[in-house]
Amino acid sequence: MAVQRTDAASWLRELVLVYAMCWTVSLGFVAGQTGQLNVDASPQNARKIPDKMFGIFFEEINHAGAGGLWAELVSNRGFEAGGPNAPSNIDPWLIIGNESSIIVGTDRTSCFEKNPVALRMEVLCDSKGTNNCPSGGVGVYNPGYWGMNIERRRVYKVGLHIRSSDAVSLTVSLTSSDGLQKLASHTITASKKQFAKWTKIEFHLKSSQTNTNSRLQLTTSKSGVIWLDQVSVMPSDTYMGHGFRKDLASMLANLKPQFLKFPGGNYAMGNYLRNAFRWSETVGPWEERPGHFNDAWGYWTDDGLGFFEFLQLAEDLGASPVWVVNDGSSNLHGLLGASQNEEVSTATIASLVKDVVDGIEFARGGPKTTWGSVRAAMGHPQPFNLDYVSIGNQECWMLYYRGNYQKFYSAIKAAYPDINVVSSCDKSTISPSNPADLYDVHVYTSSSDMFSRTSMFDNTTRSGPKAIVSEYAVTGKDAGKGTLVAALAEAAFLVGLERNSDVVEMASCAPLFVNDNDRRWSPDAIVFNSWQNYGCPNYWMLHFFKDSCGATFHPSNIQISSYNQLVASAITWQNSKDKSTYLKIKLVNFGNQAVNLSISVSGLDEGIKSSGSKKTVLTSSGPLDENSFQQPQKVAPVSSPVDNANEQMGVLVDPYSLTSFDLLLQPSKHSTI
């Protein structure tokens, strides 16, 4: 994603809308309207929606991955976040004990070539003698990412590397944030020089209690020098056993995404090229990954969530991976708005092009190829289904983008002609001399403008490459931390994308996640901390569209006078479990008036069953309502059965609401396209 600028006109429209909504809340909703919705469900006028129409876009922002979706509990596990020089800052690690009992620092003695920094603990006290260690010993502790969530009876896998020429008695514990409540512990003991060389230790800890604000501590009461490196604590029961936090990954799975775009926009580019996401530095054993500073969003990542893990996540979700690659440039704007704009010239881009082709080989190559063998060694001998590569993050305007893009395009197509290459240029620039399979579109705007963009693609030329709207979001005052009205505006936009799915191939919102302790961007679809989560209204809105991929679109029109705040779409879709077919009608009411709507459906081969249909509504008492940890379901869908459903229905559409009717169809010999 890219940092956005807001023009004066958009700001004014936003201000007017916020005023109007506040007036609505204070005075109540306005009297209703009457309208007619006509749906043409005839097969001859139907059109198939693309199979991958709706998916998700992951950016490492807001600690979405590090301290979020990636279940690693230790922050700065390799002590590299303070930089390559020693001694260095070990934040967030802290010392247990004072200078008379322990001296802690870093040096460059690690056994890992790419991770040279290790922690050195010189313990001055002992359990015997004149300088006795305090009760419980001395050492270091790690609070994780704003506290570790440790649960009763849950098992955690611990791994660390240790070196010492002295006898060792090191206790590894999970405790409360103050260290007073011990949840689980294991003591590592060794005779003198047993750990003279770096040794990896692994074991499991089972917690006896639950504490949502816990820490990991490593303590000893034996004098000597101990080096530590690559300290890890992972829950043993992650999503599908692949290292993802179960609750957060399940929220993604519930959306039934058909593609996963990763690893981000600004994150992939870096504010400076030296901090861009480099796929080859994020594969292989996690201890050997150097990690890097995410300068786009201001924090360190150990790259446990690397290229392999993104591909694995896509596979676990049943989604097609869409890989965003660095095009040889850094971000348009830095975190604080400072323009960097580093660029690699087309004359010197060859090494970056080769790197991308190598990355595709890692994903798709056989287990005996150079990079495919690395993937196989990581436990995935079968290739991943990587069919989409997106070049850059909206840098078409930059000096070398088009020349560099053509180099990437040609090399990718020469090696993998079936891969879909996505351009950051708009459709008007694409030609036989500047080809693309898809072009990337980003939309960040106010809710009123987003609602108006339901017609954004109505007049787009029907020939040529299709769009992937890989980033869209309502921003500004009325977006808050995720309001109902923002979700409704985005729903109207998606209704327009469904209608124009002959020229739009894919769409995903942004950003996806936010750790509530590190909000770099609002709003976001899913909010979490170490132990809780909730979906914002736009997360729940996406559930209304999860059956659209591969469904059949039917044209419809609304007839209503003096009210332009209502949009609709109609599809038929099949339930994969029982093979029942439904006609889904979605209605977005973006205004403060209820609508008495007559629905007329024509052209069905078979009728609508009188029972088995349902109505689902997303609304709330006020358009600016948000969800929270205290009220996670304040704005959430509510379903109810529809009695006496048929082709002619009268319904009431609430103000500021998203409503869907899933109308169960009679069994039909006609199959959807």
Foldseek 3Di string as FASTA:
>chain_A
DADDDDDPVQQVVQVVVVVVQVVCLVPHFDAFFAWAKEFEPAQVQWDWFAQQAEFAEAECAQVCPQQHFQQWQFDCQFQPFQDDDPFGDSPPKDKFDDPQFKDKTWDQCDPAPLRRIWIKIFGNAACDDDRFAPPPAIFMKGQGFQHAWAAAQFKKKKKKKKAFQAWDWKKKFKAAPVRPGTFWIDIDTDHGHPRNDIDMDMDMTGGHHTDRRIMITIGDRHGGMMIMGRITIGTCDDDVRLRTHNVVLVLNLLLLRAEYEDDHALQQFDLDNVQHAQQVLQADDLRNRNWGASQQHGGTDSSVVGPLNQLVSCVSSNYAYAYEHELAWHGCAGLVRHGRTGGDALVPCVVSLVSVVLSQCLQANACPDPNVVRNVVVPPRHHGRHQHYEYHHLPPVDDHRQSSQVSNVVVCCVVPVRHFYEYQDDPVPDDPVRHGQEYEAAAEGALVVLLVCLCVCVPPDLDGHAYADAEYFYDDDLCPQAWLSRLLSPLSNVLSCLVVSSRHRYYYYPDAEHEPVRDSDGHHQKYHHNPDIFGKLNSQSSSLCSQSNRWMWIDMDMGTPPADQKDKTWTWGADPPPRWIWIKIKMRRSASHKYWYKAAYDNDPFWFDQWDKKKKKFDASGRSDIADRVRRVRGHIDMDIDGGDTRIDIDIGHHSMMMMITTTTDDDPDDRD
